[in-house]
Amino acid sequence: MTFDGEDAEAAWYWLVRGERRQTILEALRQPLTGTQLTKKTGMNGRGVEAGLAELRVYNLVTCLNPNACRSRVYGLTDLGVAFQERLAALTGRTWMPPILAGGLDWGLYGWCCYRHRSAMLLAFDEPGQPAAIRRVAHSRDPNLRMSSNNARDVVRLLRQQGLVVPLVERKRRYPRYALTPTGAVMQHLLQGAT
């Protein structure tokens, strides 16, 4: 369903009448999962789900990884971007263009949004062994329940996805790992989502 002219104006008036819809549209500064939107907006999960469904009907939001069963990532359409800019002007806020969907693997980003994976990716400040990265992750989130074995498993998964690589260093028995360029992009997106 596309909206032009009068239909777009009707969609605009529909948007400004709903506080929940406005809140979700303004929060989408970059593509986010439903859980990330819940944390960003302070709304409950059902409210976010309902708001996203409404915004999808009016073609303001789209799912960027529709084949995913969990961790679906939602981003703005061109009309959604235009309405976000218009809403910022209406409320007197400064507007910066959001990060759009072009060229990124949003299925991989959704895969990274699971708790242990995202915690480990966010903890990669510098190259390190899995246990050291886990300690950094735990220092940032004391409620994180992850053992060293879990950390090794997560690093192995991150390596399989091409997000981290082992560093070849002489005189080291166990490798240290560093982010790849793709891993750095995913880390940046996760940082923007928190």
Protein backbone atom coordinates (compact mmCIF):
# COMPACT_ATOMS: atom_id res chain seq x y z
CA MET A 1 0.00 0.00 0.00
CA THR A 2 1.46 3.37 -1.02
CA PHE A 3 0.29 6.81 0.00
CA ASP A 4 0.37 9.88 -2.23
CA GLY A 5 -1.22 13.32 -1.93
CA GLU A 6 -4.43 13.17 0.07
CA ASP A 7 -3.67 9.69 1.40
CA ALA A 8 -0.34 10.91 2.77
CA GLU A 9 -2.06 13.84 4.48
CA ALA A 10 -4.64 11.49 5.98
CA ALA A 11 -1.80 9.28 7.25
CA TRP A 12 -0.09 12.37 8.73
CA TYR A 13 -3.23 13.40 10.66
CA TRP A 14 -3.66 9.81 11.82
CA LEU A 15 -0.05 9.85 13.08
CA VAL A 16 -0.28 13.10 15.06
CA ARG A 17 -3.43 11.92 16.85
CA GLY A 18 -1.60 8.97 18.43
CA GLU A 19 1.06 9.55 21.08
CA ARG A 20 2.22 5.93 20.97
CA ARG A 21 2.72 6.07 17.19
CA GLN A 22 4.67 9.33 17.44
CA THR A 23 6.89 7.96 20.21
CA ILE A 24 7.79 4.86 18.20
CA LEU A 25 8.38 6.84 14.99
CA GLU A 26 10.66 9.31 16.80
CA ALA A 27 12.61 6.46 18.48
CA LEU A 28 13.51 4.86 15.15
CA ARG A 29 16.73 6.87 14.67
CA GLN A 30 18.15 3.62 13.32
CA PRO A 31 16.60 0.21 12.65
CA LEU A 32 15.70 -1.49 15.94
CA THR A 33 14.14 -4.70 17.24
CA GLY A 34 10.92 -4.65 19.23
CA THR A 35 12.87 -5.27 22.45
CA GLN A 36 15.21 -2.38 21.72
CA LEU A 37 12.22 -0.13 21.01
CA THR A 38 10.67 -1.19 24.32
CA LYS A 39 13.81 -0.11 26.18
CA LYS A 40 14.19 3.13 24.20
CA THR A 41 10.57 4.25 24.57
CA GLY A 42 9.79 2.91 28.05
CA MET A 43 6.60 1.36 26.68
CA ASN A 44 5.56 -2.23 27.32
CA GLY A 45 6.14 -4.90 24.69
CA ARG A 46 2.51 -5.23 23.63
CA GLY A 47 2.22 -1.48 23.14
CA VAL A 48 5.30 -1.46 20.92
CA GLU A 49 4.00 -4.45 18.92
CA ALA A 50 0.63 -2.77 18.41
CA GLY A 51 2.26 0.54 17.45
CA LEU A 52 4.57 -1.15 14.95
CA ALA A 53 1.64 -3.01 13.39
CA GLU A 54 -0.26 0.27 12.99
CA LEU A 55 2.76 2.04 11.47
CA ARG A 56 3.28 -0.84 9.04
CA VAL A 57 -0.32 -0.54 7.81
CA TYR A 58 0.32 3.11 6.92
CA ASN A 59 3.67 2.23 5.26
CA LEU A 60 5.77 4.24 7.73
CA VAL A 61 7.77 1.27 9.05
CA THR A 62 8.97 -1.94 7.42
CA CYS A 63 10.47 -5.18 8.72
CA LEU A 64 14.02 -5.50 7.41
CA ASN A 65 14.42 -9.22 8.16
CA PRO A 66 10.93 -10.66 7.51
CA ASN A 67 12.15 -14.28 7.50
CA ALA A 68 13.28 -14.07 11.14
CA CYS A 69 11.13 -15.71 13.79
CA ARG A 70 12.69 -13.65 16.61
CA SER A 71 14.63 -10.38 16.77
CA ARG A 72 12.85 -8.81 13.84
CA VAL A 73 14.42 -5.50 12.90
CA TYR A 74 12.19 -2.54 11.96
CA GLY A 75 13.24 0.53 10.01
CA LEU A 76 11.59 3.58 8.51
CA THR A 77 10.31 3.77 4.95
CA ASP A 78 10.85 6.92 2.88
CA LEU A 79 7.43 8.16 3.99
CA GLY A 80 8.35 7.38 7.61
CA VAL A 81 11.55 9.44 7.28
CA ALA A 82 9.58 12.35 5.82
CA PHE A 83 7.03 12.14 8.64
CA GLN A 84 9.80 11.89 11.27
CA GLU A 85 11.35 15.09 9.89
CA ARG A 86 7.96 16.82 9.78
CA LEU A 87 7.19 15.72 13.34
CA ALA A 88 10.53 17.12 14.55
CA ALA A 89 9.75 20.47 12.90
CA LEU A 90 6.27 20.46 14.46
CA THR A 91 7.63 19.85 17.98
CA GLY A 92 10.64 22.18 17.58
CA ARG A 93 13.27 19.44 17.92
CA THR A 94 16.40 19.25 15.83
CA TRP A 95 16.24 16.46 13.27
CA MET A 96 19.06 14.36 11.97
CA PRO A 97 18.50 11.85 9.18
CA PRO A 98 18.18 8.32 10.56
CA ILE A 99 20.40 5.39 9.62
CA LEU A 100 18.63 3.70 6.74
CA ALA A 101 18.50 0.09 5.68
CA GLY A 102 20.65 0.24 2.56
CA GLY A 103 23.46 -2.25 2.16
CA LEU A 104 23.50 -3.89 5.58
CA ASP A 105 22.67 -7.46 6.49
CA TRP A 106 19.77 -6.86 8.87
CA GLY A 107 19.27 -10.59 9.36
CA LEU A 108 22.79 -10.71 10.80
CA TYR A 109 22.07 -7.66 12.96
CA GLY A 110 18.94 -9.36 14.33
CA TRP A 111 21.07 -12.43 15.05
CA CYS A 112 23.52 -10.21 17.00
CA CYS A 113 20.73 -8.81 19.19
CA TYR A 114 20.50 -11.89 21.42
CA ARG A 115 21.70 -11.04 24.92
CA HIS A 116 25.03 -12.92 25.14
CA ARG A 117 25.99 -12.10 21.55
CA SER A 118 25.25 -8.40 21.93
CA ALA A 119 26.98 -8.23 25.33
CA MET A 120 30.14 -9.79 23.91
CA LEU A 121 30.13 -7.58 20.79
CA LEU A 122 29.68 -4.46 22.91
CA ALA A 123 32.57 -5.50 25.17
CA PHE A 124 35.14 -5.64 22.34
CA ASP A 125 36.95 -2.41 23.19
CA GLU A 126 40.28 -4.00 22.28
CA PRO A 127 41.47 -7.45 21.19
CA GLY A 128 41.24 -10.08 23.90
CA GLN A 129 40.58 -13.65 24.84
CA PRO A 130 36.97 -14.74 25.42
CA ALA A 131 37.29 -14.76 29.22
CA ALA A 132 38.70 -11.22 29.25
CA ILE A 133 35.92 -9.98 26.95
CA ARG A 134 33.37 -11.68 29.24
CA ARG A 135 34.82 -9.81 32.25
CA VAL A 136 34.37 -6.49 30.43
CA ALA A 137 30.79 -7.46 29.51
CA HIS A 138 30.06 -8.47 33.10
CA SER A 139 31.50 -5.22 34.46
CA ARG A 140 29.08 -3.30 32.23
CA ASP A 141 26.10 -5.48 33.11
CA PRO A 142 26.44 -7.15 36.53
CA ASN A 143 23.17 -9.05 35.91
CA LEU A 144 24.67 -10.82 32.90
CA ARG A 145 24.79 -14.54 33.58
CA MET A 146 27.56 -15.92 31.38
CA SER A 147 30.28 -18.41 32.15
CA SER A 148 33.69 -18.58 30.48
CA ASN A 149 32.42 -21.58 28.51
CA ASN A 150 29.48 -19.49 27.28
CA ALA A 151 31.92 -16.74 26.29
CA ARG A 152 34.04 -19.17 24.25
CA ASP A 153 30.93 -20.51 22.53
CA VAL A 154 29.73 -17.00 21.69
CA VAL A 155 33.13 -16.00 20.29
CA ARG A 156 33.12 -19.17 18.18
CA LEU A 157 29.66 -18.19 16.82
CA LEU A 158 30.79 -14.62 16.18
CA ARG A 159 33.80 -15.99 14.30
CA GLN A 160 31.58 -18.25 12.17
CA GLN A 161 29.51 -15.19 11.22
CA GLY A 162 32.64 -13.22 10.27
CA LEU A 163 32.31 -10.68 13.08
CA VAL A 164 35.58 -11.49 14.88
CA VAL A 165 38.92 -12.95 13.79
CA PRO A 166 41.71 -14.56 15.79
CA LEU A 167 44.94 -12.60 15.88
CA VAL A 168 48.09 -14.49 14.89
CA GLU A 169 50.64 -13.75 17.58
CA ARG A 170 53.85 -15.54 18.40
CA LYS A 171 54.42 -16.89 21.87
CA ARG A 172 50.71 -16.97 22.73
CA ARG A 173 49.13 -20.31 23.42
CA TYR A 174 45.52 -19.11 23.15
CA PRO A 175 44.46 -16.60 20.50
CA ARG A 176 43.10 -13.16 21.14
CA TYR A 177 40.19 -12.00 19.00
CA ALA A 178 39.47 -8.67 17.32
CA LEU A 179 36.44 -7.27 15.52
CA THR A 180 36.27 -7.38 11.74
CA PRO A 181 34.93 -4.33 9.87
CA THR A 182 31.50 -5.99 9.77
CA GLY A 183 31.75 -6.68 13.50
CA ALA A 184 32.61 -3.02 14.12
CA VAL A 185 29.50 -1.94 12.18
CA MET A 186 27.32 -4.31 14.21
CA GLN A 187 28.92 -3.03 17.43
CA HIS A 188 28.20 0.56 16.39
CA LEU A 189 24.54 -0.28 15.68
CA LEU A 190 24.20 -2.05 19.03
CA GLN A 191 25.70 0.98 20.78
CA GLY A 192 23.21 3.23 19.03
CA ALA A 193 20.35 0.99 20.13
CA THR A 194 21.18 1.30 23.84
